[in-house]
Amino acid sequence: MKPFWLTLTVLLGLAGVLGGAFVVPRARPPADCTSRVVTGRGPRGEAVECVCLEGRLSTCFDSGP
């Protein structure tokens, strides 16, 4: 009976990790990297500026002077 519960726990853990991997990236829409610098909202709703390299989001930093 012990191997059954161990297997069930491992399978539920894997299902949770895989489910989280598919849900988390969709939580925020991807940045539109049509130009080199784009502005958007950070995880807490603050304004951030992001740098795009080769059409992909590279890094983000707080917006300001």
Protein backbone atom coordinates (compact mmCIF):
# COMPACT_ATOMS: atom_id res chain seq x y z
CA MET A 1 0.00 0.00 0.00
CA LYS A 2 2.93 2.34 0.70
CA PRO A 3 4.24 2.25 -2.93
CA PHE A 4 0.76 3.19 -4.14
CA TRP A 5 0.66 6.38 -2.04
CA LEU A 6 4.22 7.27 -2.96
CA THR A 7 3.44 6.87 -6.67
CA LEU A 8 0.22 8.84 -6.31
CA THR A 9 2.04 11.66 -4.49
CA VAL A 10 4.77 11.83 -7.14
CA LEU A 11 2.23 11.88 -9.98
CA LEU A 12 0.17 14.62 -8.33
CA GLY A 13 3.34 16.63 -7.73
CA LEU A 14 4.36 16.32 -11.38
CA ALA A 15 0.86 17.30 -12.49
CA GLY A 16 1.05 20.40 -10.31
CA VAL A 17 4.46 21.42 -11.65
CA LEU A 18 3.43 20.88 -15.28
CA GLY A 19 0.14 22.72 -14.73
CA GLY A 20 1.99 25.65 -13.20
CA ALA A 21 4.45 25.72 -16.09
CA PHE A 22 1.60 26.18 -18.55
CA VAL A 23 -0.43 28.67 -16.48
CA VAL A 24 2.32 31.03 -15.27
CA PRO A 25 3.59 32.19 -18.69
CA ARG A 26 0.03 33.12 -19.68
CA ALA A 27 -0.50 35.21 -16.54
CA ARG A 28 1.06 38.24 -18.26
CA PRO A 29 0.81 38.94 -21.96
CA PRO A 30 4.18 38.92 -23.70
CA ALA A 31 5.80 42.26 -24.51
CA ASP A 32 5.51 43.48 -28.08
CA CYS A 33 9.14 43.60 -29.23
CA THR A 34 8.57 45.51 -32.44
CA SER A 35 11.10 48.16 -31.36
CA ARG A 36 14.28 48.07 -29.29
CA VAL A 37 12.78 49.61 -26.11
CA VAL A 38 9.21 48.95 -24.98
CA THR A 39 7.28 50.08 -21.92
CA GLY A 40 4.89 47.97 -19.94
CA ARG A 41 3.67 47.03 -16.48
CA GLY A 42 5.75 45.09 -13.97
CA PRO A 43 4.51 42.31 -11.71
CA ARG A 44 3.21 44.80 -9.12
CA GLY A 45 1.64 47.10 -11.72
CA GLU A 46 4.46 49.68 -11.84
CA ALA A 47 5.73 51.09 -15.14
CA VAL A 48 8.86 49.36 -16.49
CA GLU A 49 10.98 49.79 -19.58
CA CYS A 50 12.23 46.66 -21.33
CA VAL A 51 14.99 46.16 -23.88
CA CYS A 52 14.42 43.78 -26.79
CA LEU A 53 17.23 41.97 -28.58
CA GLU A 54 16.56 40.05 -31.80
CA GLY A 55 12.80 40.28 -31.27
CA ARG A 56 12.88 38.83 -27.75
CA LEU A 57 12.51 40.47 -24.38
CA SER A 58 15.97 40.79 -22.87
CA THR A 59 15.79 42.78 -19.63
CA CYS A 60 13.48 45.18 -17.81
CA PHE A 61 14.17 48.01 -15.39
CA ASP A 62 12.21 50.65 -13.49
CA SER A 63 11.00 53.50 -15.63
CA GLY A 64 12.44 56.89 -14.79
CA PRO A 65 15.09 59.49 -15.57
